[in-house]
């Protein structure tokens, strides 16, 4: 596989960072992603000069900064906010984040 590594399941989104970490967050944090089809979730583009992800099919944007902080969507439902309080994002590897180039090339 070539390109950036962004993957999703029915309930989670995983993003591989250039420094080797993988951030996994629940889709319930991002209602547009949760309600999208798997095909729509696979149609993403790098945005924000390499610091974000954009899904044109449903106009959703996520930043790597927000993913690293474990921040749910600002307009998320009360249920999503409650889930956010009880969910710990998975971050593999404890290496520090780099100033630029967050996404991994495969």
Protein backbone atom coordinates (compact mmCIF):
# COMPACT_ATOMS: atom_id res chain seq x y z
CA UNK A 1 0.00 0.00 0.00
CA UNK A 2 1.34 3.44 -0.85
CA UNK A 3 0.29 6.81 0.57
CA UNK A 4 -0.80 7.82 4.03
CA UNK A 5 -2.21 5.28 6.43
CA UNK A 6 -5.74 6.14 7.59
CA UNK A 7 -7.99 3.19 8.37
CA UNK A 8 -11.41 2.76 9.91
CA UNK A 9 -13.61 0.00 11.22
CA UNK A 10 -17.30 0.20 12.07
CA UNK A 11 -16.45 1.84 15.39
CA UNK A 12 -12.90 3.28 15.27
CA UNK A 13 -10.55 5.44 13.21
CA UNK A 14 -6.79 4.74 13.16
CA UNK A 15 -4.16 7.13 11.83
CA UNK A 16 -0.49 6.18 11.46
CA UNK A 17 1.93 9.03 12.15
CA UNK A 18 5.32 9.43 10.49
CA UNK A 19 7.13 8.78 13.77
CA UNK A 20 5.58 5.31 14.04
CA UNK A 21 2.72 5.99 16.43
CA UNK A 22 -0.81 4.88 15.62
CA UNK A 23 -3.67 6.91 17.07
CA UNK A 24 -7.01 5.13 17.37
CA UNK A 25 -10.14 7.03 18.36
CA UNK A 26 -13.81 5.97 18.54
CA UNK A 27 -16.00 6.99 15.62
CA UNK A 28 -18.70 8.03 18.10
CA UNK A 29 -16.52 11.11 18.70
CA UNK A 30 -17.12 12.15 15.09
CA UNK A 31 -20.80 11.65 14.11
CA UNK A 32 -20.21 12.38 10.42
CA UNK A 33 -17.60 9.62 10.25
CA UNK A 34 -19.79 7.28 12.29
CA UNK A 35 -22.75 7.79 9.93
CA UNK A 36 -20.69 7.51 6.74
CA UNK A 37 -20.43 4.32 4.74
CA UNK A 38 -17.13 2.41 4.75
CA UNK A 39 -16.57 3.55 1.14
CA UNK A 40 -17.09 7.20 2.13
CA UNK A 41 -14.65 6.83 5.05
CA UNK A 42 -12.06 5.41 2.65
CA UNK A 43 -12.33 8.51 0.43
CA UNK A 44 -10.09 10.94 2.33
CA UNK A 45 -7.42 13.49 1.41
CA UNK A 46 -4.55 15.09 3.28
CA UNK A 47 -5.43 18.67 4.24
CA UNK A 48 -3.97 21.57 6.16
CA UNK A 49 -0.46 21.31 4.74
CA UNK A 50 -0.14 17.70 5.92
CA UNK A 51 -1.57 18.30 9.40
CA UNK A 52 -5.13 17.19 8.77
CA UNK A 53 -7.48 14.79 7.01
CA UNK A 54 -10.48 15.79 4.88
CA UNK A 55 -13.38 13.57 3.78
CA UNK A 56 -15.00 15.34 0.79
CA UNK A 57 -18.04 13.03 0.61
CA UNK A 58 -19.41 14.37 3.91
CA UNK A 59 -17.24 17.46 4.47
CA UNK A 60 -15.42 16.38 7.64
CA UNK A 61 -11.99 17.66 8.66
CA UNK A 62 -9.79 16.36 11.48
CA UNK A 63 -6.44 17.71 12.58
CA UNK A 64 -3.57 15.61 13.87
CA UNK A 65 -3.36 17.98 16.83
CA UNK A 66 -6.96 17.20 17.76
CA UNK A 67 -6.39 13.47 17.34
CA UNK A 68 -3.26 13.63 19.52
CA UNK A 69 -5.20 15.52 22.23
CA UNK A 70 -8.06 13.02 22.03
CA UNK A 71 -10.53 15.78 21.22
CA UNK A 72 -14.01 14.79 19.98
CA UNK A 73 -15.84 16.89 17.39
CA UNK A 74 -16.93 20.24 18.91
CA UNK A 75 -20.57 19.74 17.94
CA UNK A 76 -20.67 16.09 19.03
CA UNK A 77 -23.79 14.85 20.73
CA UNK A 78 -24.01 14.50 24.51
CA UNK A 79 -23.63 10.74 24.05
CA UNK A 80 -20.37 11.26 22.14
CA UNK A 81 -19.08 13.63 24.80
CA UNK A 82 -19.90 11.09 27.50
CA UNK A 83 -18.11 8.37 25.53
CA UNK A 84 -15.12 10.68 25.14
CA UNK A 85 -14.79 10.99 28.90
CA UNK A 86 -14.59 7.23 29.34
CA UNK A 87 -12.48 6.32 26.28
CA UNK A 88 -8.67 6.41 26.19
CA UNK A 89 -7.23 6.75 22.65
CA UNK A 90 -4.65 4.15 21.73
CA UNK A 91 -1.24 5.62 20.96
CA UNK A 92 1.35 3.00 20.11
CA UNK A 93 4.97 3.96 20.81
CA UNK A 94 5.96 6.72 23.16
CA UNK A 95 8.32 8.58 20.83
CA UNK A 96 7.80 12.37 20.84
CA UNK A 97 5.84 13.98 18.03
CA UNK A 98 7.80 15.80 15.34
CA UNK A 99 7.25 19.40 14.43
CA UNK A 100 6.10 18.45 10.92
CA UNK A 101 5.26 15.50 8.68
CA UNK A 102 2.90 13.69 11.03
CA UNK A 103 1.57 11.16 8.53
CA UNK A 104 3.39 7.95 7.63
CA UNK A 105 4.19 6.98 4.06
CA UNK A 106 3.75 3.30 3.23
